[in-house]
Amino acid sequence: MRSVSIFAVFVLVVLLVAALRPEALVPGQLLTWLEKNHEPLSGVVLLLKENHENLLWAALALAIVLLPAIFVIKPAKGTTKSPKARAEAVRPQAELPGTERCEAEIVAFLGVLQEKGRLVDFLMEEIVSYEDAQVGAAARVIHEGCRGALKEHFDIVPVCNENEGSKVVVPAGFSSDTYQLLGKITGEPPFTGTLVHKGWKTERVKLPRTLKDQGGRLSAIAPAQVELK
């Protein structure tokens, strides 16, 4: 549509020039030559010379028709985005339901660790002032509760079944999340080394199925407890 508007303006300008000064489009010497040697064209030249005023009114009438069209014609749908559409395009996308569920399930599992073993209480507590015996006694309770929670929601097994301190072979094409190489690394796998830590992996995950509420708020890990009297 923009090209149509430009063409309409061009035609208007040509008509106005032809009406007011035909010699501007065709040099005077050429007009004289055309009048003498080409009868069909000489008629056109004569028409331009003798009907300036009529052509001018015709050009103005055409302008009345074309100018509104130039300003009214709108780009085709989908070719130009409105400011609102551009704003929508750059606006960050809302969180996907899967992301919301993942965050909520992590929080819910922290709630399980807190409920079963008071893990959050222990980690958020300043224990510098406590004696080692007190920390050790608390650790036994936390260990028992959190171990039960892990077994309930995960099937955790060692990455390597060999005893720590034994020789193991790291195969070619190993995954970096499965083996971590320590010390001086030279050559290409497979590598032979001493097992320092057997690692852990899980073959099952069963997290509590919870979502954010309608306001996008994550559930509390543990509620505040208030005793009423």
Protein backbone atom coordinates (compact mmCIF):
# COMPACT_ATOMS: atom_id res chain seq x y z
CA MET A 1 0.00 0.00 0.00
CA ARG A 2 2.88 2.35 0.59
CA SER A 3 4.01 1.88 -3.03
CA VAL A 4 0.51 2.80 -4.23
CA SER A 5 0.64 6.04 -2.26
CA ILE A 6 4.06 6.94 -3.68
CA PHE A 7 2.87 6.22 -7.24
CA ALA A 8 -0.22 8.39 -6.71
CA VAL A 9 1.93 11.33 -5.58
CA PHE A 10 4.23 10.85 -8.57
CA VAL A 11 1.30 10.89 -11.02
CA LEU A 12 -0.09 14.01 -9.38
CA VAL A 13 3.23 15.84 -9.69
CA VAL A 14 3.59 14.86 -13.36
CA LEU A 15 0.09 16.07 -14.18
CA LEU A 16 0.63 19.41 -12.47
CA VAL A 17 3.93 19.95 -14.28
CA ALA A 18 2.36 18.96 -17.60
CA ALA A 19 -0.50 21.38 -17.07
CA LEU A 20 1.58 24.35 -15.94
CA ARG A 21 4.81 23.90 -17.93
CA PRO A 22 4.76 21.19 -20.59
CA GLU A 23 8.18 22.32 -21.78
CA ALA A 24 9.58 21.20 -18.43
CA LEU A 25 8.80 17.62 -19.40
CA VAL A 26 9.68 17.97 -23.07
CA PRO A 27 12.34 20.57 -24.14
CA GLY A 28 11.13 23.40 -26.39
CA GLN A 29 13.26 22.38 -29.37
CA LEU A 30 11.89 18.85 -29.18
CA LEU A 31 8.33 20.19 -29.01
CA THR A 32 8.94 22.21 -32.18
CA TRP A 33 10.46 19.22 -33.94
CA LEU A 34 7.56 16.98 -32.91
CA GLU A 35 5.03 19.51 -34.20
CA LYS A 36 6.71 19.60 -37.62
CA ASN A 37 7.65 15.96 -38.15
CA HIS A 38 5.18 13.78 -36.22
CA GLU A 39 1.58 14.69 -36.75
CA PRO A 40 0.10 12.33 -34.11
CA LEU A 41 2.49 13.61 -31.46
CA SER A 42 2.13 17.19 -32.60
CA GLY A 43 -1.54 16.97 -31.69
CA VAL A 44 -0.64 15.99 -28.18
CA VAL A 45 1.87 18.83 -27.90
CA LEU A 46 -0.68 21.29 -29.18
CA LEU A 47 -3.19 19.98 -26.67
CA LEU A 48 -0.74 20.58 -23.85
CA LYS A 49 -0.04 24.11 -25.01
CA GLU A 50 -3.61 25.20 -25.68
CA ASN A 51 -5.37 23.54 -22.74
CA HIS A 52 -3.21 24.44 -19.79
CA GLU A 53 -6.14 25.69 -17.78
CA ASN A 54 -8.35 22.67 -18.45
CA LEU A 55 -5.52 20.26 -17.64
CA LEU A 56 -4.82 22.18 -14.45
CA TRP A 57 -8.43 21.80 -13.30
CA ALA A 58 -8.30 18.11 -14.24
CA ALA A 59 -5.11 17.65 -12.20
CA LEU A 60 -6.66 19.40 -9.22
CA ALA A 61 -9.75 17.18 -9.49
CA LEU A 62 -7.52 14.11 -9.58
CA ALA A 63 -5.66 15.44 -6.57
CA ILE A 64 -8.92 15.71 -4.63
CA VAL A 65 -9.48 11.99 -5.32
CA LEU A 66 -5.94 10.75 -4.72
CA LEU A 67 -4.81 12.76 -1.69
CA PRO A 68 -7.44 11.35 0.72
CA ALA A 69 -6.54 7.86 -0.47
CA ILE A 70 -2.86 8.52 0.27
CA PHE A 71 -3.61 9.38 3.90
CA VAL A 72 -6.48 6.95 4.47
CA ILE A 73 -4.94 3.78 3.01
CA LYS A 74 -3.61 1.63 5.86
CA PRO A 75 -0.93 -1.03 5.69
CA ALA A 76 -2.17 -4.55 5.17
CA LYS A 77 -3.02 -6.44 8.30
CA GLY A 78 0.03 -8.07 9.84
CA THR A 79 2.61 -5.91 8.00
CA THR A 80 3.04 -3.29 10.72
CA LYS A 81 2.79 -3.92 14.44
CA SER A 82 1.10 -1.41 16.69
CA PRO A 83 3.04 -0.04 19.70
CA LYS A 84 0.96 -2.31 21.91
CA ALA A 85 1.87 -5.33 19.78
CA ARG A 86 5.56 -4.40 19.93
CA ALA A 87 5.32 -4.07 23.71
CA GLU A 88 3.75 -7.52 23.89
CA ALA A 89 6.57 -8.93 21.78
CA VAL A 90 9.32 -7.73 24.13
CA ARG A 91 7.46 -8.44 27.36
CA PRO A 92 9.04 -11.37 29.25
CA GLN A 93 6.93 -14.49 28.98
CA ALA A 94 5.08 -15.73 32.02
CA GLU A 95 6.45 -18.73 33.87
CA LEU A 96 5.52 -22.04 32.35
CA PRO A 97 3.35 -24.34 34.45
CA GLY A 98 6.20 -26.88 34.51
CA THR A 99 8.55 -24.31 36.06
CA GLU A 100 5.97 -23.38 38.69
CA ARG A 101 5.42 -27.03 39.56
CA CYS A 102 9.16 -27.68 39.86
CA GLU A 103 9.69 -24.77 42.25
CA ALA A 104 6.66 -25.71 44.34
CA GLU A 105 7.76 -29.35 44.57
CA ILE A 106 11.24 -28.34 45.74
CA VAL A 107 9.71 -26.19 48.47
CA ALA A 108 7.33 -29.01 49.39
CA PHE A 109 10.24 -31.47 49.73
CA LEU A 110 12.08 -29.03 51.97
CA GLY A 111 8.91 -29.08 54.03
CA VAL A 112 9.14 -32.87 54.24
CA LEU A 113 12.78 -32.69 55.41
CA GLN A 114 11.74 -30.13 58.00
CA GLU A 115 8.82 -32.22 59.17
CA LYS A 116 10.71 -35.51 59.35
CA GLY A 117 14.11 -34.35 60.54
CA ARG A 118 13.94 -30.64 61.42
CA LEU A 119 16.64 -30.08 58.77
CA VAL A 120 15.76 -26.45 58.05
CA ASP A 121 15.75 -25.65 61.76
CA PHE A 122 19.22 -27.17 62.11
CA LEU A 123 20.72 -25.46 59.04
CA MET A 124 19.28 -22.03 59.82
CA GLU A 125 20.32 -22.18 63.48
CA GLU A 126 23.58 -20.56 64.63
CA ILE A 127 25.36 -23.54 66.25
CA VAL A 128 28.69 -21.91 67.10
CA SER A 129 27.71 -21.49 70.72
CA TYR A 130 26.65 -25.13 71.15
CA GLU A 131 28.93 -27.87 72.41
CA ASP A 132 29.96 -30.66 70.08
CA ALA A 133 28.00 -33.13 72.15
CA GLN A 134 24.83 -31.06 71.70
CA VAL A 135 25.36 -30.80 67.95
CA GLY A 136 26.05 -34.53 67.73
CA ALA A 137 22.88 -35.38 69.64
CA ALA A 138 20.83 -33.16 67.34
CA ALA A 139 22.51 -34.65 64.27
CA ARG A 140 21.31 -38.14 65.20
CA VAL A 141 17.69 -37.01 65.21
CA ILE A 142 18.12 -35.06 61.96
CA HIS A 143 19.90 -37.98 60.29
CA GLU A 144 17.17 -40.46 61.15
CA GLY A 145 14.32 -38.24 59.97
CA CYS A 146 15.94 -36.97 56.74
CA ARG A 147 17.16 -40.45 55.78
CA GLY A 148 13.59 -41.71 56.01
CA ALA A 149 12.36 -38.81 53.86
CA LEU A 150 14.99 -39.50 51.18
CA LYS A 151 14.07 -43.18 51.03
CA GLU A 152 10.41 -42.29 50.74
CA HIS A 153 10.82 -39.94 47.76
CA PHE A 154 13.98 -41.23 46.02
CA ASP A 155 15.61 -44.55 45.16
CA ILE A 156 19.22 -43.57 45.88
CA VAL A 157 22.02 -45.96 44.90
CA PRO A 158 25.82 -45.59 44.49
CA VAL A 159 27.29 -44.63 41.12
CA CYS A 160 30.17 -47.07 41.75
CA ASN A 161 29.55 -50.21 43.73
CA GLU A 162 33.25 -50.77 44.47
CA ASN A 163 34.63 -49.92 47.90
CA GLU A 164 36.22 -46.51 48.32
CA GLY A 165 40.01 -46.79 48.03
CA SER A 166 39.86 -49.54 45.38
CA LYS A 167 41.01 -49.26 41.76
CA VAL A 168 38.29 -48.45 39.22
CA VAL A 169 38.20 -47.85 35.46
CA VAL A 170 36.47 -44.78 34.07
CA PRO A 171 35.21 -45.81 30.61
CA ALA A 172 35.52 -43.82 27.39
CA GLY A 173 32.53 -41.57 26.70
CA PHE A 174 31.73 -41.19 30.41
CA SER A 175 29.31 -38.49 31.51
CA SER A 176 30.73 -35.57 33.49
CA ASP A 177 27.86 -35.77 35.99
CA THR A 178 28.69 -39.42 36.67
CA TYR A 179 32.46 -39.25 37.14
CA GLN A 180 34.59 -36.38 38.41
CA LEU A 181 38.29 -36.81 37.66
CA LEU A 182 40.73 -35.52 40.29
CA GLY A 183 44.48 -35.01 40.17
CA LYS A 184 46.61 -34.91 37.02
CA ILE A 185 44.67 -35.83 33.90
CA THR A 186 46.66 -36.94 30.84
CA GLY A 187 45.87 -38.96 27.75
CA GLU A 188 42.50 -40.23 26.61
CA PRO A 189 39.97 -42.44 28.41
CA PRO A 190 39.54 -45.05 29.64
CA PHE A 191 41.27 -43.92 32.85
CA THR A 192 42.31 -46.04 35.82
CA GLY A 193 42.34 -44.44 39.25
CA THR A 194 41.52 -44.77 42.95
CA LEU A 195 37.89 -44.40 44.01
CA VAL A 196 37.74 -41.52 46.49
CA HIS A 197 33.95 -41.25 46.72
CA LYS A 198 31.48 -43.72 45.25
CA GLY A 199 28.96 -41.03 44.27
CA TRP A 200 25.17 -41.20 44.39
CA LYS A 201 22.38 -41.31 41.84
CA THR A 202 18.63 -41.83 41.96
CA GLU A 203 16.51 -44.09 39.81
CA ARG A 204 13.17 -42.74 41.05
CA VAL A 205 11.88 -39.31 42.06
CA LYS A 206 8.51 -38.86 43.72
CA LEU A 207 8.22 -35.29 44.93
CA PRO A 208 5.08 -33.92 46.58
CA ARG A 209 2.71 -32.68 43.85
CA THR A 210 1.96 -29.08 44.71
CA LEU A 211 1.62 -25.82 42.74
CA LYS A 212 1.86 -22.14 43.44
CA ASP A 213 -1.39 -20.57 44.55
CA GLN A 214 -3.42 -18.29 42.27
CA GLY A 215 -1.35 -15.29 43.36
CA GLY A 216 1.89 -16.98 42.31
CA ARG A 217 2.94 -17.48 45.95
CA LEU A 218 4.98 -20.52 46.97
CA SER A 219 3.70 -22.46 49.94
CA ALA A 220 5.55 -22.06 53.23
CA ILE A 221 8.20 -24.69 54.01
CA ALA A 222 6.82 -24.99 57.51
CA PRO A 223 4.05 -22.96 59.13
CA ALA A 224 4.64 -20.75 62.12
CA GLN A 225 3.23 -22.51 65.17
CA VAL A 226 1.22 -20.43 67.63
CA GLU A 227 -0.05 -21.86 70.90
CA LEU A 228 -3.33 -20.44 72.12
CA LYS A 229 -4.37 -20.35 75.74
